[in-house]
Amino acid sequence: MTISTPLLPQKTCALRVVPQPSDANVHGDVFGGWIMAQVDIAGSIPASRRANGRVATVAVNSFVFKQPVFVGDLLSFYADIVKTGTTSMTISVEVFAQRMSLDEELVKVTEATLTYVATDAERRPRKLPELK
């Protein structure tokens, strides 16, 4: 038996997590809301780095569930900045599931685009720092 190694994107992985039974319904299907929360966390990582501090999610521009997610899947979240403005940035997040079986099936399960805004200590929008 040959076990193929799945090919994940050649990008930096922002987050990797395995959903647990408490994240799913009685049939083992992971709740969409749980996946949305993980996508928001993954997207906030490059946003916070680019903002050099606090950010707030201001919009979910698009969110597509392409395949179901099951308890025990290894989820990998890839987040990239696709656009920056004065105070905000748009982040693209792709989610891949490695099914925990002998075949190590790899599927893209979710893709989303979110907008974050850099905020100050009073949680008001602030300019993004200049890139060096």
Protein backbone atom coordinates (compact mmCIF):
# COMPACT_ATOMS: atom_id res chain seq x y z
CA MET A 1 0.00 0.00 0.00
CA THR A 2 1.35 3.43 -0.96
CA ILE A 3 0.50 6.39 1.20
CA SER A 4 0.72 9.67 -0.71
CA THR A 5 1.81 12.81 1.06
CA PRO A 6 -0.67 15.65 0.62
CA LEU A 7 0.60 18.91 -0.81
CA LEU A 8 -0.31 21.97 1.20
CA PRO A 9 0.26 25.47 -0.18
CA GLN A 10 3.85 26.71 -0.20
CA LYS A 11 2.95 29.55 2.16
CA THR A 12 3.30 30.20 5.86
CA CYS A 13 0.61 28.45 7.87
CA ALA A 14 -1.06 30.94 10.24
CA LEU A 15 -2.89 28.36 12.36
CA ARG A 16 -3.23 24.59 12.64
CA VAL A 17 -5.93 22.93 14.76
CA VAL A 18 -7.85 19.67 15.18
CA PRO A 19 -11.59 20.07 15.91
CA GLN A 20 -12.82 18.19 18.96
CA PRO A 21 -16.21 16.55 19.66
CA SER A 22 -17.38 19.68 21.51
CA ASP A 23 -16.93 21.62 18.21
CA ALA A 24 -19.40 19.40 16.33
CA ASN A 25 -22.95 18.15 16.20
CA VAL A 26 -23.91 14.61 17.23
CA HIS A 27 -22.97 13.29 13.77
CA GLY A 28 -19.37 14.56 13.98
CA ASP A 29 -19.85 17.45 11.54
CA VAL A 30 -17.99 20.53 12.78
CA PHE A 31 -20.12 23.65 13.30
CA GLY A 32 -19.70 26.36 10.66
CA GLY A 33 -19.57 28.99 13.40
CA TRP A 34 -16.58 27.26 14.99
CA ILE A 35 -14.79 27.26 11.64
CA MET A 36 -15.64 30.96 11.19
CA ALA A 37 -14.10 31.76 14.57
CA GLN A 38 -10.89 29.92 13.65
CA VAL A 39 -10.75 31.75 10.29
CA ASP A 40 -11.07 35.06 12.17
CA ILE A 41 -8.20 34.09 14.48
CA ALA A 42 -6.03 33.02 11.53
CA GLY A 43 -6.79 36.23 9.62
CA SER A 44 -6.00 38.38 12.63
CA ILE A 45 -2.45 37.03 12.85
CA PRO A 46 -1.01 38.68 9.70
CA ALA A 47 -3.30 41.68 10.30
CA SER A 48 -1.89 42.22 13.81
CA ARG A 49 1.65 41.82 12.53
CA ARG A 50 1.10 44.36 9.73
CA ALA A 51 -0.64 46.76 12.13
CA ASN A 52 2.07 46.21 14.74
CA GLY A 53 -0.64 45.90 17.37
CA ARG A 54 -4.34 45.69 17.98
CA VAL A 55 -6.82 45.07 15.16
CA ALA A 56 -10.57 44.62 14.95
CA THR A 57 -12.56 42.60 12.43
CA VAL A 58 -14.82 45.04 10.59
CA ALA A 59 -16.18 42.90 7.76
CA VAL A 60 -16.50 39.39 6.47
CA ASN A 61 -16.44 40.13 2.76
CA SER A 62 -16.91 36.55 1.61
CA PHE A 63 -17.07 33.13 3.22
CA VAL A 64 -17.51 29.86 1.35
CA PHE A 65 -17.77 26.39 2.87
CA LYS A 66 -16.53 24.07 0.10
CA GLN A 67 -16.43 20.72 1.92
CA PRO A 68 -17.55 19.47 5.35
CA VAL A 69 -15.13 19.37 8.27
CA PHE A 70 -15.12 16.41 10.64
CA VAL A 71 -13.92 15.83 14.18
CA GLY A 72 -10.32 14.69 13.96
CA ASP A 73 -9.44 16.50 10.71
CA LEU A 74 -6.16 18.41 10.85
CA LEU A 75 -7.07 21.90 9.66
CA SER A 76 -4.41 24.22 8.25
CA PHE A 77 -5.26 27.92 7.85
CA TYR A 78 -3.29 30.04 5.37
CA ALA A 79 -3.79 33.79 5.68
CA ASP A 80 -2.37 36.46 3.37
CA ILE A 81 -2.75 40.21 3.15
CA VAL A 82 -4.25 41.01 -0.26
CA LYS A 83 -4.85 44.75 0.15
CA THR A 84 -4.00 47.56 2.55
CA GLY A 85 -5.52 50.98 3.02
CA THR A 86 -4.77 53.80 5.44
CA THR A 87 -6.14 52.04 8.54
CA SER A 88 -7.47 48.75 7.19
CA MET A 89 -6.33 45.62 5.42
CA THR A 90 -8.06 42.81 3.56
CA ILE A 91 -6.97 39.28 4.40
CA SER A 92 -7.59 36.13 2.37
CA VAL A 93 -7.84 32.87 4.36
CA GLU A 94 -7.79 29.38 2.86
CA VAL A 95 -8.48 26.31 4.98
CA PHE A 96 -7.35 22.79 4.12
CA ALA A 97 -8.34 19.59 5.93
CA GLN A 98 -6.15 16.55 6.14
CA ARG A 99 -8.52 13.68 6.74
CA MET A 100 -7.04 11.33 9.31
CA SER A 101 -7.22 8.12 7.32
CA LEU A 102 -4.59 5.89 5.72
CA ASP A 103 -4.91 7.77 2.42
CA GLU A 104 -4.25 11.18 4.04
CA GLU A 105 -6.85 12.85 1.86
CA LEU A 106 -6.33 16.62 1.55
CA VAL A 107 -9.23 18.90 0.68
CA LYS A 108 -9.80 22.64 0.60
CA VAL A 109 -12.74 23.10 2.95
CA THR A 110 -13.16 26.86 3.30
CA GLU A 111 -12.07 30.15 1.79
CA ALA A 112 -12.83 33.59 3.13
CA THR A 113 -11.93 37.24 2.81
CA LEU A 114 -12.07 39.50 5.86
CA THR A 115 -11.29 43.15 6.57
CA TYR A 116 -9.48 44.26 9.72
CA VAL A 117 -8.78 47.78 10.95
CA ALA A 118 -5.84 48.82 13.10
CA THR A 119 -7.04 50.34 16.38
CA ASP A 120 -5.46 52.40 19.15
CA ALA A 121 -5.77 51.97 22.93
CA GLU A 122 -9.22 53.60 22.83
CA ARG A 123 -10.22 51.15 20.07
CA ARG A 124 -10.44 53.88 17.46
CA PRO A 125 -9.02 53.42 13.95
CA ARG A 126 -5.35 54.36 13.56
CA LYS A 127 -3.04 54.55 10.57
CA LEU A 128 -1.06 51.49 9.63
CA PRO A 129 2.64 51.97 10.29
CA GLU A 130 4.91 52.64 7.32
CA LEU A 131 6.73 49.61 5.96
CA LYS A 132 10.49 49.75 6.40
